[in-house]
Protein backbone atom coordinates (compact mmCIF):
# COMPACT_ATOMS: atom_id res chain seq x y z
CA UNK A 1 -37.93 -18.90 -12.26
CA UNK A 2 -39.78 -15.65 -12.03
CA UNK A 3 -43.31 -14.87 -13.03
CA UNK A 4 -44.35 -16.55 -16.28
CA UNK A 5 -41.42 -18.99 -16.36
CA UNK A 6 -38.17 -18.66 -18.21
CA UNK A 7 -37.96 -16.91 -21.59
CA UNK A 8 -37.19 -20.31 -23.17
CA UNK A 9 -40.34 -21.87 -21.67
CA UNK A 10 -42.45 -18.92 -22.83
CA UNK A 11 -41.08 -19.32 -26.38
CA UNK A 12 -41.80 -23.06 -26.36
CA UNK A 13 -45.34 -22.42 -25.08
CA UNK A 14 -45.89 -19.73 -27.70
CA UNK A 15 -44.63 -22.00 -30.48
CA UNK A 16 -46.89 -24.85 -29.32
CA UNK A 17 -49.84 -22.46 -29.29
CA UNK A 18 -49.02 -21.11 -32.75
CA UNK A 19 -48.63 -24.65 -34.16
CA UNK A 20 -52.02 -25.59 -32.70
CA UNK A 21 -53.66 -22.49 -34.20
CA UNK A 22 -52.20 -23.27 -37.63
CA UNK A 23 -53.41 -26.86 -37.38
CA UNK A 24 -56.89 -25.56 -36.45
CA UNK A 25 -56.76 -23.22 -39.48
CA UNK A 26 -56.19 -26.18 -41.80
CA UNK A 27 -58.77 -28.36 -40.01
CA UNK A 28 -61.33 -25.56 -40.36
CA UNK A 29 -60.42 -25.26 -44.05
CA UNK A 30 -61.15 -28.98 -44.48
CA UNK A 31 -64.51 -28.86 -42.73
CA UNK A 32 -65.61 -25.65 -44.48
CA UNK A 33 -65.69 -23.50 -41.32
CA UNK A 34 -64.73 -20.22 -42.97
CA UNK A 35 -64.90 -18.05 -39.84
CA UNK A 36 -62.52 -20.30 -37.87
CA UNK A 37 -60.30 -20.75 -40.94
CA UNK A 38 -59.81 -17.00 -41.23
CA UNK A 39 -59.65 -16.07 -37.52
CA UNK A 40 -55.86 -16.59 -37.66
CA UNK A 41 -55.41 -13.56 -39.96
CA UNK A 42 -54.89 -10.01 -38.77
CA UNK A 43 -57.66 -7.66 -39.91
CA UNK A 44 -55.12 -6.01 -42.24
CA UNK A 45 -53.31 -9.26 -43.15
CA UNK A 46 -51.99 -9.91 -46.64
CA UNK A 47 -52.20 -13.09 -48.74
CA UNK A 48 -49.97 -13.39 -51.81
CA UNK A 49 -50.24 -15.93 -54.65
CA UNK A 50 -46.95 -15.25 -56.52
CA UNK A 51 -47.77 -17.63 -59.38
CA UNK A 52 -50.86 -15.65 -60.38
CA UNK A 53 -49.52 -12.28 -59.21
CA UNK A 54 -52.49 -11.73 -56.89
CA UNK A 55 -52.40 -9.99 -53.51
CA UNK A 56 -55.41 -9.95 -51.19
CA UNK A 57 -55.25 -7.25 -48.54
CA UNK A 58 -57.36 -7.65 -45.43
CA UNK A 59 -58.98 -10.64 -43.71
CA UNK A 60 -62.35 -9.90 -45.32
CA UNK A 61 -60.92 -10.04 -48.87
CA UNK A 62 -58.90 -13.17 -48.08
CA UNK A 63 -62.06 -14.84 -46.77
CA UNK A 64 -64.22 -13.61 -49.67
CA UNK A 65 -61.90 -14.89 -52.40
CA UNK A 66 -61.74 -18.35 -50.80
CA UNK A 67 -65.50 -18.40 -50.27
CA UNK A 68 -66.08 -17.96 -53.98
CA UNK A 69 -63.95 -20.94 -55.02
CA UNK A 70 -65.98 -23.16 -57.37
CA UNK A 71 -64.09 -26.43 -56.75
CA UNK A 72 -64.72 -29.05 -54.09
CA UNK A 73 -61.62 -28.75 -51.92
CA UNK A 74 -59.94 -31.00 -49.38
CA UNK A 75 -56.86 -30.26 -47.31
CA UNK A 76 -54.24 -32.74 -46.11
CA UNK A 77 -51.46 -31.31 -43.95
CA UNK A 78 -48.13 -33.04 -44.42
CA UNK A 79 -46.02 -30.91 -42.07
CA UNK A 80 -46.15 -27.73 -40.04
CA UNK A 81 -42.75 -26.36 -39.11
CA UNK A 82 -41.55 -23.10 -37.69
CA UNK A 83 -40.78 -21.05 -34.64
CA UNK A 84 -41.42 -17.56 -33.41
CA UNK A 85 -43.06 -15.45 -36.09
CA UNK A 86 -42.30 -17.61 -39.18
CA UNK A 87 -44.15 -20.85 -39.98
CA UNK A 88 -44.37 -23.13 -43.01
CA UNK A 89 -47.15 -25.58 -43.80
CA UNK A 90 -46.77 -28.24 -46.48
CA UNK A 91 -50.16 -29.44 -47.69
CA UNK A 92 -51.93 -31.28 -50.44
CA UNK A 93 -55.03 -29.41 -51.54
CA UNK A 94 -57.32 -31.55 -53.65
CA UNK A 95 -59.47 -29.57 -56.08
CA UNK A 96 -62.34 -31.61 -57.57
CA UNK A 97 -60.32 -34.79 -56.94
CA UNK A 98 -57.00 -33.53 -58.42
CA UNK A 99 -54.16 -33.08 -55.89
CA UNK A 100 -52.05 -29.92 -55.83
CA UNK A 101 -49.06 -29.56 -53.54
CA UNK A 102 -49.01 -26.31 -51.60
CA UNK A 103 -46.53 -24.51 -49.39
CA UNK A 104 -47.88 -21.81 -47.10
CA UNK A 105 -45.45 -19.39 -45.49
CA UNK A 106 -47.08 -17.50 -42.63
CA UNK A 107 -45.53 -14.49 -40.94
CA UNK A 108 -47.03 -13.57 -37.57
CA UNK A 109 -47.24 -10.19 -35.88
CA UNK A 110 -48.80 -9.93 -32.42
CA UNK A 111 -50.08 -13.50 -32.66
CA UNK A 112 -51.91 -13.19 -35.99
CA UNK A 113 -50.91 -13.81 -39.59
CA UNK A 114 -49.81 -10.49 -41.03
CA UNK A 115 -48.53 -11.95 -44.32
CA UNK A 116 -49.01 -15.33 -45.97
CA UNK A 117 -47.43 -16.40 -49.23
CA UNK A 118 -48.83 -19.56 -50.79
CA UNK A 119 -47.22 -21.53 -53.63
CA UNK A 120 -48.96 -24.28 -55.62
CA UNK A 121 -47.52 -27.10 -57.72
CA UNK A 122 -49.17 -29.95 -59.56
CA UNK A 123 -47.67 -33.44 -59.25
CA UNK A 124 -45.57 -34.74 -62.14
CA UNK A 125 -44.09 -38.13 -63.04
CA UNK A 126 -40.52 -38.82 -62.04
CA UNK A 127 -38.19 -39.11 -65.05
CA UNK A 128 -36.68 -42.53 -65.57
CA UNK A 129 -33.22 -40.94 -65.85
CA UNK A 130 -33.22 -40.37 -62.06
CA UNK A 131 -34.63 -43.78 -61.06
CA UNK A 132 -31.25 -45.19 -59.95
CA UNK A 133 -30.65 -42.14 -57.72
CA UNK A 134 -34.03 -41.70 -56.04
CA UNK A 135 -36.13 -43.58 -53.59
CA UNK A 136 -39.91 -43.31 -53.44
CA UNK A 137 -41.32 -40.97 -50.79
CA UNK A 138 -43.78 -43.02 -48.71
CA UNK A 139 -47.39 -42.09 -49.45
CA UNK A 140 -47.93 -41.07 -45.79
CA UNK A 141 -45.26 -38.36 -46.29
CA UNK A 142 -46.56 -36.90 -49.53
């Protein structure tokens, strides 16, 4: 192979690097390291919360709105999946002891998040009408 390896190897290396950066983003979120948490965003990145209709434009506004959150928060990453410039994280964010399931969709441009859309959902009890059809998701997977 020529300089820098094959295109396939470069893509695999880039994906491994991106996955590691996303994992570090969530780890920094958990430990309260706001600067590291937000280093993944482009200076002009956008964060959307469709359920509330809010859009935060720019890394500084994204960081400021999270810094003002009144709840004690904890982050548990269930899965990080993606390739290239599109990545999805499935997380449980616990606010003051109450779990909320979250899906984060990150779009990358030039190695930084240019657009993130985050959805939130509270847990709910499974209806008994589906009990014969469903199996329980193991706690380690949820």
